[in-house]
Amino acid sequence: MKTLMRALAGETLPVPPIWMMRQAGRYLPEYRATRAQAGDFLSLCYNSDLATEVTLQPIRRFGFDAAILFADILLVPQALGADLWFVTGEGPRLSTITDQAGVDALKGKDDIHETLAPIYQTVRNLSSALPAETALIGFAGAPWTVATYMVAGRGTPDQGPAHALKDDNRPVFDALMARIEAATIEYLDMQVQAGAETVKLFDSWAGSLKGQDFQDYAVAPAARIIAELKRRHPGLPVIAFPREAGQGYVGFHAATGADCVAVDDSVSAEWVAANVQPAGCVQGNLKSSHMVTGGQALIDEVRRIRDALSGGPHIFNLGHGITPDADPDNVALMIETLRERVPA
């Protein structure tokens, strides 16, 4: 069995499998060349041949234990009918939804597949193109995080517009969440049918949910999505990433049914080992800045995290995505250190 799948099944391995969030990205010169060929980011996402190529690039260069589908969490809003575009240097922009009429205007969950068909083709391409030992991860944004973009029309520092709609008009917000949740299930289901061996739910803004809101809008949607995917695909392992959940990481496996809980770098590996890993596989959590600075500090941190989490199932990863200014040589050093090829 592939090492990533063994860890997801709860096995403690002598060397944890490794992959990296945003491992296909702007820090790689070959990615930049392919993106230029595509013309723009969305064109790259929807060009199955080029999306396959950029997904394979970090596997060829580094030999990661898993590849993650190259796509974007905002393709689901676009498939639901939202306008989506990217502003160079500033990120995504969407048409906004702030009332029931906006929710009602969205497409149904079964009407998203025409838009997303190229993504499924990318998964099929990868399923046959990846090395036999490399696992294939599909993914989607979790409903809360996707909703924050659909309400605000862009990323915001505090997800304020989504919180305001949630607090001022909960029926409309809940209706939007329900639309996203239903579409997410269908999207991930199709990825699994196309060949994804595991899927990951990215709740990048889960940390801004507090108290009961965390339960209602981070835990409960994840639990429903995971339960339905496992009903349709018995044995499918699911990774959940409620970023910056803090104490909310504790019990997240049991509350959601996730096989692996990914953790960010605001919590220590030692704390994760004591409080989260006893419940199942964990993923993380090297600071992305080490991919920029490298050196002995990188080596020491990789060893510290590896050793702290060596007592249970662990997938080595960053605490968030790699940044465009990262040095590919530092990625290689991280992997070499993890796999014990650097002298102590």
C-alpha atoms as a PDB file:
ATOM      1  CA  MET A   1       0.000   0.000   0.000  1.00  0.00           C
ATOM      2  CA  LYS A   2       1.175   3.563  -0.722  1.00  0.00           C
ATOM      3  CA  THR A   3       2.787   5.206   2.292  1.00  0.00           C
ATOM      4  CA  LEU A   4       0.265   8.068   2.396  1.00  0.00           C
ATOM      5  CA  MET A   5      -2.631   5.614   2.412  1.00  0.00           C
ATOM      6  CA  ARG A   6      -0.965   3.581   5.158  1.00  0.00           C
ATOM      7  CA  ALA A   7      -0.692   6.671   7.358  1.00  0.00           C
ATOM      8  CA  LEU A   8      -4.322   7.568   6.617  1.00  0.00           C
ATOM      9  CA  ALA A   9      -5.289   4.041   7.669  1.00  0.00           C
ATOM     10  CA  GLY A  10      -3.730   4.736  11.071  1.00  0.00           C
ATOM     11  CA  GLU A  11      -0.332   3.119  10.649  1.00  0.00           C
ATOM     12  CA  THR A  12       2.698   4.588  12.415  1.00  0.00           C
ATOM     13  CA  LEU A  13       5.569   4.564   9.923  1.00  0.00           C
ATOM     14  CA  PRO A  14       9.321   4.897  10.569  1.00  0.00           C
ATOM     15  CA  VAL A  15       9.478   7.731   8.018  1.00  0.00           C
ATOM     16  CA  PRO A  16       6.237   9.661   7.548  1.00  0.00           C
ATOM     17  CA  PRO A  17       4.955  10.288   4.026  1.00  0.00           C
ATOM     18  CA  ILE A  18       5.389  13.844   2.807  1.00  0.00           C
ATOM     19  CA  TRP A  19       3.654  16.215   0.438  1.00  0.00           C
ATOM     20  CA  MET A  20       3.279  19.966   0.552  1.00  0.00           C
ATOM     21  CA  MET A  21       0.330  22.316   0.261  1.00  0.00           C
ATOM     22  CA  ARG A  22       0.614  24.347  -2.982  1.00  0.00           C
ATOM     23  CA  GLN A  23       3.490  22.101  -4.036  1.00  0.00           C
ATOM     24  CA  ALA A  24       2.617  22.940  -7.649  1.00  0.00           C
ATOM     25  CA  GLY A  25       3.169  26.685  -7.664  1.00  0.00           C
ATOM     26  CA  ARG A  26       5.028  29.845  -8.477  1.00  0.00           C
ATOM     27  CA  TYR A  27       8.202  28.949  -6.574  1.00  0.00           C
ATOM     28  CA  LEU A  28       8.957  26.452  -9.378  1.00  0.00           C
ATOM     29  CA  PRO A  29      10.325  27.841 -12.674  1.00  0.00           C
ATOM     30  CA  GLU A  30       8.656  25.027 -14.608  1.00  0.00           C
ATOM     31  CA  TYR A  31       5.293  26.010 -13.127  1.00  0.00           C
ATOM     32  CA  ARG A  32       5.774  29.634 -14.127  1.00  0.00           C
ATOM     33  CA  ALA A  33       6.553  28.554 -17.688  1.00  0.00           C
ATOM     34  CA  THR A  34       3.425  26.381 -17.903  1.00  0.00           C
ATOM     35  CA  ARG A  35       1.230  29.076 -16.391  1.00  0.00           C
ATOM     36  CA  ALA A  36       2.535  31.550 -18.980  1.00  0.00           C
ATOM     37  CA  GLN A  37       1.638  29.017 -21.653  1.00  0.00           C
ATOM     38  CA  ALA A  38      -1.913  28.769 -20.264  1.00  0.00           C
ATOM     39  CA  GLY A  39      -2.317  32.559 -20.258  1.00  0.00           C
ATOM     40  CA  ASP A  40      -3.806  33.032 -16.797  1.00  0.00           C
ATOM     41  CA  PHE A  41      -4.538  31.110 -13.607  1.00  0.00           C
ATOM     42  CA  LEU A  42      -8.127  30.088 -14.369  1.00  0.00           C
ATOM     43  CA  SER A  43      -7.195  28.980 -17.870  1.00  0.00           C
ATOM     44  CA  LEU A  44      -4.527  26.786 -16.297  1.00  0.00           C
ATOM     45  CA  CYS A  45      -7.066  25.239 -13.892  1.00  0.00           C
ATOM     46  CA  TYR A  46      -9.461  24.402 -16.707  1.00  0.00           C
ATOM     47  CA  ASN A  47      -6.859  23.114 -19.183  1.00  0.00           C
ATOM     48  CA  SER A  48      -6.677  19.436 -18.219  1.00  0.00           C
ATOM     49  CA  ASP A  49      -3.400  18.775 -20.017  1.00  0.00           C
ATOM     50  CA  LEU A  50      -1.601  21.760 -18.479  1.00  0.00           C
ATOM     51  CA  ALA A  51      -3.143  21.205 -15.030  1.00  0.00           C
ATOM     52  CA  THR A  52      -1.930  17.616 -15.203  1.00  0.00           C
ATOM     53  CA  GLU A  53       1.531  18.837 -16.124  1.00  0.00           C
ATOM     54  CA  VAL A  54       1.860  21.282 -13.219  1.00  0.00           C
ATOM     55  CA  THR A  55       0.555  18.648 -10.778  1.00  0.00           C
ATOM     56  CA  LEU A  56       3.263  16.257 -11.965  1.00  0.00           C
ATOM     57  CA  GLN A  57       6.113  18.801 -11.869  1.00  0.00           C
ATOM     58  CA  PRO A  58       6.818  18.648  -8.098  1.00  0.00           C
ATOM     59  CA  ILE A  59       6.501  14.851  -8.191  1.00  0.00           C
ATOM     60  CA  ARG A  60       9.182  14.638 -10.874  1.00  0.00           C
ATOM     61  CA  ARG A  61      11.441  17.135  -9.122  1.00  0.00           C
ATOM     62  CA  PHE A  62      11.083  16.047  -5.496  1.00  0.00           C
ATOM     63  CA  GLY A  63       9.493  12.592  -5.345  1.00  0.00           C
ATOM     64  CA  PHE A  64       6.711  13.547  -2.920  1.00  0.00           C
ATOM     65  CA  ASP A  65       4.598  10.674  -1.623  1.00  0.00           C
ATOM     66  CA  ALA A  66       1.404  12.322  -2.876  1.00  0.00           C
ATOM     67  CA  ALA A  67       0.210  14.628  -5.612  1.00  0.00           C
ATOM     68  CA  ILE A  68      -2.701  16.976  -5.038  1.00  0.00           C
ATOM     69  CA  LEU A  69      -4.977  17.931  -7.883  1.00  0.00           C
ATOM     70  CA  PHE A  70      -4.164  21.374  -9.294  1.00  0.00           C
ATOM     71  CA  ALA A  71      -7.350  23.424  -9.036  1.00  0.00           C
ATOM     72  CA  ASP A  72      -8.769  26.167  -6.785  1.00  0.00           C
ATOM     73  CA  ILE A  73     -11.395  26.185  -4.049  1.00  0.00           C
ATOM     74  CA  LEU A  74     -13.309  28.943  -5.872  1.00  0.00           C
ATOM     75  CA  LEU A  75     -14.129  26.803  -8.897  1.00  0.00           C
ATOM     76  CA  VAL A  76     -17.199  25.525  -7.021  1.00  0.00           C
ATOM     77  CA  PRO A  77     -18.691  29.029  -6.625  1.00  0.00           C
ATOM     78  CA  GLN A  78     -18.031  29.616 -10.302  1.00  0.00           C
ATOM     79  CA  ALA A  79     -19.732  26.338 -11.188  1.00  0.00           C
ATOM     80  CA  LEU A  80     -22.695  27.432  -9.052  1.00  0.00           C
ATOM     81  CA  GLY A  81     -22.996  30.571 -11.163  1.00  0.00           C
ATOM     82  CA  ALA A  82     -20.873  33.184  -9.409  1.00  0.00           C
ATOM     83  CA  ASP A  83     -18.649  35.392 -11.531  1.00  0.00           C
ATOM     84  CA  LEU A  84     -14.980  34.692 -10.787  1.00  0.00           C
ATOM     85  CA  TRP A  85     -11.848  36.460 -11.933  1.00  0.00           C
ATOM     86  CA  PHE A  86      -8.324  36.978 -10.624  1.00  0.00           C
ATOM     87  CA  VAL A  87      -6.641  40.348 -10.230  1.00  0.00           C
ATOM     88  CA  THR A  88      -2.877  40.138 -10.749  1.00  0.00           C
ATOM     89  CA  GLY A  89      -1.082  40.686  -7.473  1.00  0.00           C
ATOM     90  CA  GLU A  90      -4.310  40.894  -5.483  1.00  0.00           C
ATOM     91  CA  GLY A  91      -6.017  37.532  -5.826  1.00  0.00           C
ATOM     92  CA  PRO A  92      -9.554  36.367  -6.555  1.00  0.00           C
ATOM     93  CA  ARG A  93     -12.677  38.446  -7.026  1.00  0.00           C
ATOM     94  CA  LEU A  94     -16.247  37.141  -7.120  1.00  0.00           C
ATOM     95  CA  SER A  95     -19.703  38.540  -7.570  1.00  0.00           C
ATOM     96  CA  THR A  96     -21.234  38.841  -4.094  1.00  0.00           C
ATOM     97  CA  ILE A  97     -24.214  37.115  -2.493  1.00  0.00           C
ATOM     98  CA  THR A  98     -25.861  38.997   0.343  1.00  0.00           C
ATOM     99  CA  ASP A  99     -29.574  38.101   0.151  1.00  0.00           C
ATOM    100  CA  GLN A 100     -31.985  35.265  -0.561  1.00  0.00           C
ATOM    101  CA  ALA A 101     -32.381  36.309  -4.186  1.00  0.00           C
ATOM    102  CA  GLY A 102     -28.662  35.808  -4.677  1.00  0.00           C
ATOM    103  CA  VAL A 103     -28.834  32.336  -3.147  1.00  0.00           C
ATOM    104  CA  ASP A 104     -31.892  31.426  -5.215  1.00  0.00           C
ATOM    105  CA  ALA A 105     -30.099  32.460  -8.409  1.00  0.00           C
ATOM    106  CA  LEU A 106     -27.364  29.863  -7.886  1.00  0.00           C
ATOM    107  CA  LYS A 107     -27.381  26.676  -9.910  1.00  0.00           C
ATOM    108  CA  GLY A 108     -28.358  23.368  -8.337  1.00  0.00           C
ATOM    109  CA  LYS A 109     -25.825  20.818  -7.158  1.00  0.00           C
ATOM    110  CA  ASP A 110     -26.382  18.624 -10.216  1.00  0.00           C
ATOM    111  CA  ASP A 111     -25.744  21.499 -12.622  1.00  0.00           C
ATOM    112  CA  ILE A 112     -22.102  22.126 -11.669  1.00  0.00           C
ATOM    113  CA  HIS A 113     -20.498  19.295 -13.609  1.00  0.00           C
ATOM    114  CA  GLU A 114     -20.432  20.889 -17.039  1.00  0.00           C
ATOM    115  CA  THR A 115     -18.213  23.668 -15.692  1.00  0.00           C
ATOM    116  CA  LEU A 116     -16.104  21.282 -13.627  1.00  0.00           C
ATOM    117  CA  ALA A 117     -15.719  18.531 -16.248  1.00  0.00           C
ATOM    118  CA  PRO A 118     -12.123  19.592 -17.085  1.00  0.00           C
ATOM    119  CA  ILE A 119     -11.194  19.143 -13.421  1.00  0.00           C
ATOM    120  CA  TYR A 120     -12.468  15.574 -13.449  1.00  0.00           C
ATOM    121  CA  GLN A 121     -10.465  14.957 -16.617  1.00  0.00           C
ATOM    122  CA  THR A 122      -7.338  16.219 -14.863  1.00  0.00           C
ATOM    123  CA  VAL A 123      -7.954  13.678 -12.090  1.00  0.00           C
ATOM    124  CA  ARG A 124      -8.353  10.902 -14.658  1.00  0.00           C
ATOM    125  CA  ASN A 125      -5.142  11.987 -16.371  1.00  0.00           C
ATOM    126  CA  LEU A 126      -3.243  11.978 -13.084  1.00  0.00           C
ATOM    127  CA  SER A 127      -4.649   8.644 -12.010  1.00  0.00           C
ATOM    128  CA  SER A 128      -2.889   7.009 -14.946  1.00  0.00           C
ATOM    129  CA  ALA A 129       0.190   9.277 -15.117  1.00  0.00           C
ATOM    130  CA  LEU A 130       1.447   9.242 -11.525  1.00  0.00           C
ATOM    131  CA  PRO A 131       4.146   6.814 -10.374  1.00  0.00           C
ATOM    132  CA  ALA A 132       2.729   3.657  -8.804  1.00  0.00           C
ATOM    133  CA  GLU A 133       3.902   4.671  -5.324  1.00  0.00           C
ATOM    134  CA  THR A 134       2.400   8.196  -5.432  1.00  0.00           C
ATOM    135  CA  ALA A 135      -1.051   8.770  -3.948  1.00  0.00           C
ATOM    136  CA  LEU A 136      -3.532  11.164  -5.582  1.00  0.00           C
ATOM    137  CA  ILE A 137      -5.362  13.683  -3.383  1.00  0.00           C
ATOM    138  CA  GLY A 138      -8.517  15.473  -4.489  1.00  0.00           C
ATOM    139  CA  PHE A 139      -9.807  18.494  -2.620  1.00  0.00           C
ATOM    140  CA  ALA A 140     -12.403  21.171  -2.119  1.00  0.00           C
ATOM    141  CA  GLY A 141     -12.858  24.200   0.066  1.00  0.00           C
ATOM    142  CA  ALA A 142     -14.999  23.655   3.143  1.00  0.00           C
ATOM    143  CA  PRO A 143     -18.370  25.469   3.048  1.00  0.00           C
ATOM    144  CA  TRP A 144     -17.521  28.185   5.582  1.00  0.00           C
ATOM    145  CA  THR A 145     -14.342  29.226   3.789  1.00  0.00           C
ATOM    146  CA  VAL A 146     -16.014  29.178   0.373  1.00  0.00           C
ATOM    147  CA  ALA A 147     -18.937  31.183   1.782  1.00  0.00           C
ATOM    148  CA  THR A 148     -16.606  33.885   3.103  1.00  0.00           C
ATOM    149  CA  TYR A 149     -15.446  34.557  -0.462  1.00  0.00           C
ATOM    150  CA  MET A 150     -18.951  34.378  -1.931  1.00  0.00           C
ATOM    151  CA  VAL A 151     -20.303  36.926   0.557  1.00  0.00           C
ATOM    152  CA  ALA A 152     -17.361  39.350   0.472  1.00  0.00           C
ATOM    153  CA  GLY A 153     -16.400  38.887  -3.174  1.00  0.00           C
ATOM    154  CA  ARG A 154     -12.766  38.542  -2.159  1.00  0.00           C
ATOM    155  CA  GLY A 155     -10.514  37.397   0.650  1.00  0.00           C
ATOM    156  CA  THR A 156     -10.736  39.533   3.784  1.00  0.00           C
ATOM    157  CA  PRO A 157      -8.505  39.730   6.869  1.00  0.00           C
ATOM    158  CA  ASP A 158     -11.247  38.839   9.361  1.00  0.00           C
ATOM    159  CA  GLN A 159     -14.012  37.338   7.182  1.00  0.00           C
ATOM    160  CA  GLY A 160     -16.111  40.245   8.457  1.00  0.00           C
ATOM    161  CA  PRO A 161     -18.757  40.307   5.692  1.00  0.00           C
ATOM    162  CA  ALA A 162     -19.567  36.604   6.154  1.00  0.00           C
ATOM    163  CA  HIS A 163     -19.756  37.008   9.923  1.00  0.00           C
ATOM    164  CA  ALA A 164     -22.075  40.000   9.460  1.00  0.00           C
ATOM    165  CA  LEU A 165     -24.442  38.107   7.174  1.00  0.00           C
ATOM    166  CA  LYS A 166     -24.351  35.095   9.505  1.00  0.00           C
ATOM    167  CA  ASP A 167     -25.220  37.261  12.488  1.00  0.00           C
ATOM    168  CA  ASP A 168     -27.736  39.582  10.788  1.00  0.00           C
ATOM    169  CA  ASN A 169     -29.583  37.187   8.484  1.00  0.00           C
ATOM    170  CA  ARG A 170     -28.901  33.624   9.515  1.00  0.00           C
ATOM    171  CA  PRO A 171     -31.573  32.042   7.262  1.00  0.00           C
ATOM    172  CA  VAL A 172     -29.900  33.498   4.151  1.00  0.00           C
ATOM    173  CA  PHE A 173     -26.447  32.511   5.355  1.00  0.00           C
ATOM    174  CA  ASP A 174     -27.594  28.994   6.203  1.00  0.00           C
ATOM    175  CA  ALA A 175     -29.212  28.669   2.779  1.00  0.00           C
ATOM    176  CA  LEU A 176     -25.936  29.669   1.118  1.00  0.00           C
ATOM    177  CA  MET A 177     -23.983  27.208   3.268  1.00  0.00           C
ATOM    178  CA  ALA A 178     -26.409  24.440   2.334  1.00  0.00           C
ATOM    179  CA  ARG A 179     -25.949  25.146  -1.389  1.00  0.00           C
ATOM    180  CA  ILE A 180     -22.171  25.045  -1.058  1.00  0.00           C
ATOM    181  CA  GLU A 181     -22.247  21.889   1.053  1.00  0.00           C
ATOM    182  CA  ALA A 182     -24.426  20.005  -1.431  1.00  0.00           C
ATOM    183  CA  ALA A 183     -22.253  21.065  -4.366  1.00  0.00           C
ATOM    184  CA  THR A 184     -19.077  20.131  -2.495  1.00  0.00           C
ATOM    185  CA  ILE A 185     -20.313  16.589  -1.946  1.00  0.00           C
ATOM    186  CA  GLU A 186     -21.049  16.159  -5.651  1.00  0.00           C
ATOM    187  CA  TYR A 187     -17.719  17.714  -6.665  1.00  0.00           C
ATOM    188  CA  LEU A 188     -15.665  15.472  -4.381  1.00  0.00           C
ATOM    189  CA  ASP A 189     -17.732  12.429  -5.312  1.00  0.00           C
ATOM    190  CA  MET A 190     -16.848  13.004  -8.966  1.00  0.00           C
ATOM    191  CA  GLN A 191     -13.170  13.432  -8.109  1.00  0.00           C
ATOM    192  CA  VAL A 192     -13.192  10.060  -6.340  1.00  0.00           C
ATOM    193  CA  GLN A 193     -14.983   8.449  -9.271  1.00  0.00           C
ATOM    194  CA  ALA A 194     -12.268   9.885 -11.544  1.00  0.00           C
ATOM    195  CA  GLY A 195      -9.467   8.364  -9.463  1.00  0.00           C
ATOM    196  CA  ALA A 196      -8.726  10.439  -6.349  1.00  0.00           C
ATOM    197  CA  GLU A 197      -7.640   8.062  -3.573  1.00  0.00           C
ATOM    198  CA  THR A 198      -8.302  10.474  -0.744  1.00  0.00           C
ATOM    199  CA  VAL A 199      -9.803  13.956  -0.513  1.00  0.00           C
ATOM    200  CA  LYS A 200      -9.052  16.966   1.635  1.00  0.00           C
ATOM    201  CA  LEU A 201     -11.393  19.656   2.915  1.00  0.00           C
ATOM    202  CA  PHE A 202      -9.637  23.014   3.228  1.00  0.00           C
ATOM    203  CA  ASP A 203     -11.302  25.233   5.833  1.00  0.00           C
ATOM    204  CA  SER A 204      -8.722  27.995   5.597  1.00  0.00           C
ATOM    205  CA  TRP A 205     -10.761  30.477   7.654  1.00  0.00           C
ATOM    206  CA  ALA A 206     -12.103  28.096  10.304  1.00  0.00           C
ATOM    207  CA  GLY A 207     -10.072  29.915  12.938  1.00  0.00           C
ATOM    208  CA  SER A 208     -12.354  32.958  12.802  1.00  0.00           C
ATOM    209  CA  LEU A 209     -15.317  30.851  13.962  1.00  0.00           C
ATOM    210  CA  LYS A 210     -15.725  30.860  17.732  1.00  0.00           C
ATOM    211  CA  GLY A 211     -17.836  28.889  20.199  1.00  0.00           C
ATOM    212  CA  GLN A 212     -21.054  27.443  18.808  1.00  0.00           C
ATOM    213  CA  ASP A 213     -20.335  28.952  15.397  1.00  0.00           C
ATOM    214  CA  PHE A 214     -17.298  26.675  15.111  1.00  0.00           C
ATOM    215  CA  GLN A 215     -19.510  23.689  15.811  1.00  0.00           C
ATOM    216  CA  ASP A 216     -22.266  24.840  13.446  1.00  0.00           C
ATOM    217  CA  TYR A 217     -20.169  26.040  10.514  1.00  0.00           C
ATOM    218  CA  ALA A 218     -16.842  24.147  10.677  1.00  0.00           C
ATOM    219  CA  VAL A 219     -17.582  20.848  12.428  1.00  0.00           C
ATOM    220  CA  ALA A 220     -21.130  20.062  11.317  1.00  0.00           C
ATOM    221  CA  PRO A 221     -20.701  20.683   7.555  1.00  0.00           C
ATOM    222  CA  ALA A 222     -17.464  18.677   7.523  1.00  0.00           C
ATOM    223  CA  ALA A 223     -19.205  15.826   9.352  1.00  0.00           C
ATOM    224  CA  ARG A 224     -22.075  15.753   6.850  1.00  0.00           C
ATOM    225  CA  ILE A 225     -19.792  15.930   3.813  1.00  0.00           C
ATOM    226  CA  ILE A 226     -17.508  13.193   5.141  1.00  0.00           C
ATOM    227  CA  ALA A 227     -20.398  10.930   6.131  1.00  0.00           C
ATOM    228  CA  GLU A 228     -21.993  11.167   2.690  1.00  0.00           C
ATOM    229  CA  LEU A 229     -18.711  10.612   0.856  1.00  0.00           C
ATOM    230  CA  LYS A 230     -17.972   7.561   2.987  1.00  0.00           C
ATOM    231  CA  ARG A 231     -21.504   6.270   2.368  1.00  0.00           C
ATOM    232  CA  ARG A 232     -20.923   6.507  -1.377  1.00  0.00           C
ATOM    233  CA  HIS A 233     -17.303   5.337  -1.211  1.00  0.00           C
ATOM    234  CA  PRO A 234     -16.801   2.979   1.759  1.00  0.00           C
ATOM    235  CA  GLY A 235     -13.227   3.079   2.978  1.00  0.00           C
ATOM    236  CA  LEU A 236     -12.463   6.479   1.443  1.00  0.00           C
ATOM    237  CA  PRO A 237     -10.021   8.322   3.743  1.00  0.00           C
ATOM    238  CA  VAL A 238     -10.662  12.034   4.253  1.00  0.00           C
ATOM    239  CA  ILE A 239      -8.276  14.747   5.483  1.00  0.00           C
ATOM    240  CA  ALA A 240      -9.792  17.815   7.171  1.00  0.00           C
ATOM    241  CA  PHE A 241      -7.925  21.092   7.697  1.00  0.00           C
ATOM    242  CA  PRO A 242      -9.706  23.559  10.008  1.00  0.00           C
ATOM    243  CA  ARG A 243      -6.835  26.044   9.908  1.00  0.00           C
ATOM    244  CA  GLU A 244      -6.084  27.983  13.091  1.00  0.00           C
ATOM    245  CA  ALA A 245      -8.734  26.036  14.987  1.00  0.00           C
ATOM    246  CA  GLY A 246      -6.493  25.966  18.076  1.00  0.00           C
ATOM    247  CA  GLN A 247      -8.302  24.078  20.821  1.00  0.00           C
ATOM    248  CA  GLY A 248     -10.883  23.159  18.183  1.00  0.00           C
ATOM    249  CA  TYR A 249      -8.436  20.622  16.767  1.00  0.00           C
ATOM    250  CA  VAL A 250      -9.062  18.515  19.873  1.00  0.00           C
ATOM    251  CA  GLY A 251     -11.846  16.055  19.129  1.00  0.00           C
ATOM    252  CA  PHE A 252     -12.105  17.063  15.466  1.00  0.00           C
ATOM    253  CA  HIS A 253     -11.455  13.506  14.254  1.00  0.00           C
ATOM    254  CA  ALA A 254     -14.334  12.080  16.240  1.00  0.00           C
ATOM    255  CA  ALA A 255     -16.711  14.970  15.638  1.00  0.00           C
ATOM    256  CA  THR A 256     -16.334  14.920  11.854  1.00  0.00           C
ATOM    257  CA  GLY A 257     -15.292  11.386  10.954  1.00  0.00           C
ATOM    258  CA  ALA A 258     -12.083  12.659   9.377  1.00  0.00           C
ATOM    259  CA  ASP A 259      -9.320  10.061   9.097  1.00  0.00           C
ATOM    260  CA  CYS A 260      -6.632  12.731   9.342  1.00  0.00           C
ATOM    261  CA  VAL A 261      -6.667  16.229  10.812  1.00  0.00           C
ATOM    262  CA  ALA A 262      -4.195  18.665   9.292  1.00  0.00           C
ATOM    263  CA  VAL A 263      -2.817  21.268  11.682  1.00  0.00           C
ATOM    264  CA  ASP A 264      -1.315  24.693  11.045  1.00  0.00           C
ATOM    265  CA  ASP A 265       1.897  26.024  12.570  1.00  0.00           C
ATOM    266  CA  SER A 266       0.233  28.109  15.300  1.00  0.00           C
ATOM    267  CA  VAL A 267       0.231  24.969  17.464  1.00  0.00           C
ATOM    268  CA  SER A 268       3.343  22.980  18.337  1.00  0.00           C
ATOM    269  CA  ALA A 269       3.963  19.443  17.156  1.00  0.00           C
ATOM    270  CA  GLU A 270       4.398  18.443  20.794  1.00  0.00           C
ATOM    271  CA  TRP A 271       0.941  19.807  21.647  1.00  0.00           C
ATOM    272  CA  VAL A 272      -0.530  18.019  18.625  1.00  0.00           C
ATOM    273  CA  ALA A 273       1.093  14.748  19.719  1.00  0.00           C
ATOM    274  CA  ALA A 274      -0.490  15.049  23.147  1.00  0.00           C
ATOM    275  CA  ASN A 275      -3.903  16.399  22.213  1.00  0.00           C
ATOM    276  CA  VAL A 276      -4.813  15.495  18.617  1.00  0.00           C
ATOM    277  CA  GLN A 277      -2.747  12.539  17.402  1.00  0.00           C
ATOM    278  CA  PRO A 278      -4.154  10.035  19.936  1.00  0.00           C
ATOM    279  CA  ALA A 279      -7.409  10.211  17.957  1.00  0.00           C
ATOM    280  CA  GLY A 280      -5.834   9.408  14.580  1.00  0.00           C
ATOM    281  CA  CYS A 281      -3.528  10.529  11.809  1.00  0.00           C
ATOM    282  CA  VAL A 282      -2.315  14.131  11.847  1.00  0.00           C
ATOM    283  CA  GLN A 283      -0.747  16.183   9.070  1.00  0.00           C
ATOM    284  CA  GLY A 284       1.669  19.072   9.394  1.00  0.00           C
ATOM    285  CA  ASN A 285       3.088  21.406  10.419  1.00  0.00           C
ATOM    286  CA  LEU A 286       6.384  23.058   9.398  1.00  0.00           C
ATOM    287  CA  LYS A 287       6.266  26.847   9.027  1.00  0.00           C
ATOM    288  CA  SER A 288       6.255  27.853   5.374  1.00  0.00           C
ATOM    289  CA  SER A 289       8.905  30.491   6.076  1.00  0.00           C
ATOM    290  CA  HIS A 290      11.501  27.718   6.439  1.00  0.00           C
ATOM    291  CA  MET A 291      11.111  27.091   2.705  1.00  0.00           C
ATOM    292  CA  VAL A 292      12.444  30.624   2.199  1.00  0.00           C
ATOM    293  CA  THR A 293      15.196  30.766   4.798  1.00  0.00           C
ATOM    294  CA  GLY A 294      16.435  27.161   4.805  1.00  0.00           C
ATOM    295  CA  GLY A 295      19.673  26.353   6.587  1.00  0.00           C
ATOM    296  CA  GLN A 296      20.217  24.570   9.879  1.00  0.00           C
ATOM    297  CA  ALA A 297      16.996  25.981  11.334  1.00  0.00           C
ATOM    298  CA  LEU A 298      15.045  24.121   8.651  1.00  0.00           C
ATOM    299  CA  ILE A 299      16.894  20.877   9.348  1.00  0.00           C
ATOM    300  CA  ASP A 300      16.326  21.224  13.092  1.00  0.00           C
ATOM    301  CA  GLU A 301      12.611  21.957  12.727  1.00  0.00           C
ATOM    302  CA  VAL A 302      12.000  19.051  10.355  1.00  0.00           C
ATOM    303  CA  ARG A 303      13.665  16.703  12.814  1.00  0.00           C
ATOM    304  CA  ARG A 304      11.814  18.172  15.773  1.00  0.00           C
ATOM    305  CA  ILE A 305       8.391  17.800  14.144  1.00  0.00           C
ATOM    306  CA  ARG A 306       9.192  14.339  12.812  1.00  0.00           C
ATOM    307  CA  ASP A 307      10.372  13.167  16.222  1.00  0.00           C
ATOM    308  CA  ALA A 308       7.529  14.798  18.160  1.00  0.00           C
ATOM    309  CA  LEU A 309       4.936  13.052  16.003  1.00  0.00           C
ATOM    310  CA  SER A 310       6.779   9.744  15.611  1.00  0.00           C
ATOM    311  CA  GLY A 311       4.562   7.977  18.132  1.00  0.00           C
ATOM    312  CA  GLY A 312       1.496   7.843  15.882  1.00  0.00           C
ATOM    313  CA  PRO A 313       0.307   8.164  12.299  1.00  0.00           C
ATOM    314  CA  HIS A 314       1.712  11.326  10.726  1.00  0.00           C
ATOM    315  CA  ILE A 315       1.854  12.909   7.277  1.00  0.00           C
ATOM    316  CA  PHE A 316       4.597  15.520   7.071  1.00  0.00           C
ATOM    317  CA  ASN A 317       3.523  18.808   5.522  1.00  0.00           C
ATOM    318  CA  LEU A 318       3.712  22.544   5.975  1.00  0.00           C
ATOM    319  CA  GLY A 319       1.371  24.401   8.297  1.00  0.00           C
ATOM    320  CA  HIS A 320       0.042  26.313   5.283  1.00  0.00           C
ATOM    321  CA  GLY A 321       0.876  26.568   1.584  1.00  0.00           C
ATOM    322  CA  ILE A 322       4.383  27.149   0.284  1.00  0.00           C
ATOM    323  CA  THR A 323       4.939  30.772  -0.743  1.00  0.00           C
ATOM    324  CA  PRO A 324       6.090  32.035  -4.166  1.00  0.00           C
ATOM    325  CA  ASP A 325       9.402  33.279  -2.733  1.00  0.00           C
ATOM    326  CA  ALA A 326      10.410  29.807  -1.490  1.00  0.00           C
ATOM    327  CA  ASP A 327      13.652  28.238  -2.696  1.00  0.00           C
ATOM    328  CA  PRO A 328      13.226  24.818  -4.352  1.00  0.00           C
ATOM    329  CA  ASP A 329      16.562  23.783  -2.842  1.00  0.00           C
ATOM    330  CA  ASN A 330      15.036  24.182   0.609  1.00  0.00           C
ATOM    331  CA  VAL A 331      12.180  21.877  -0.367  1.00  0.00           C
ATOM    332  CA  ALA A 332      14.752  19.272  -1.374  1.00  0.00           C
ATOM    333  CA  LEU A 333      16.578  19.786   1.933  1.00  0.00           C
ATOM    334  CA  MET A 334      13.327  19.299   3.873  1.00  0.00           C
ATOM    335  CA  ILE A 335      12.670  15.999   2.134  1.00  0.00           C
ATOM    336  CA  GLU A 336      16.257  14.799   2.503  1.00  0.00           C
ATOM    337  CA  THR A 337      16.187  15.621   6.207  1.00  0.00           C
ATOM    338  CA  LEU A 338      12.881  13.885   6.765  1.00  0.00           C
ATOM    339  CA  ARG A 339      14.123  10.792   4.958  1.00  0.00           C
ATOM    340  CA  GLU A 340      17.374  10.729   6.956  1.00  0.00           C
ATOM    341  CA  ARG A 341      19.783  11.559   4.157  1.00  0.00           C
ATOM    342  CA  VAL A 342      21.324  14.544   5.954  1.00  0.00           C
ATOM    343  CA  PRO A 343      24.014  13.731   8.573  1.00  0.00           C
ATOM    344  CA  ALA A 344      23.116  14.682  12.121  1.00  0.00           C
END
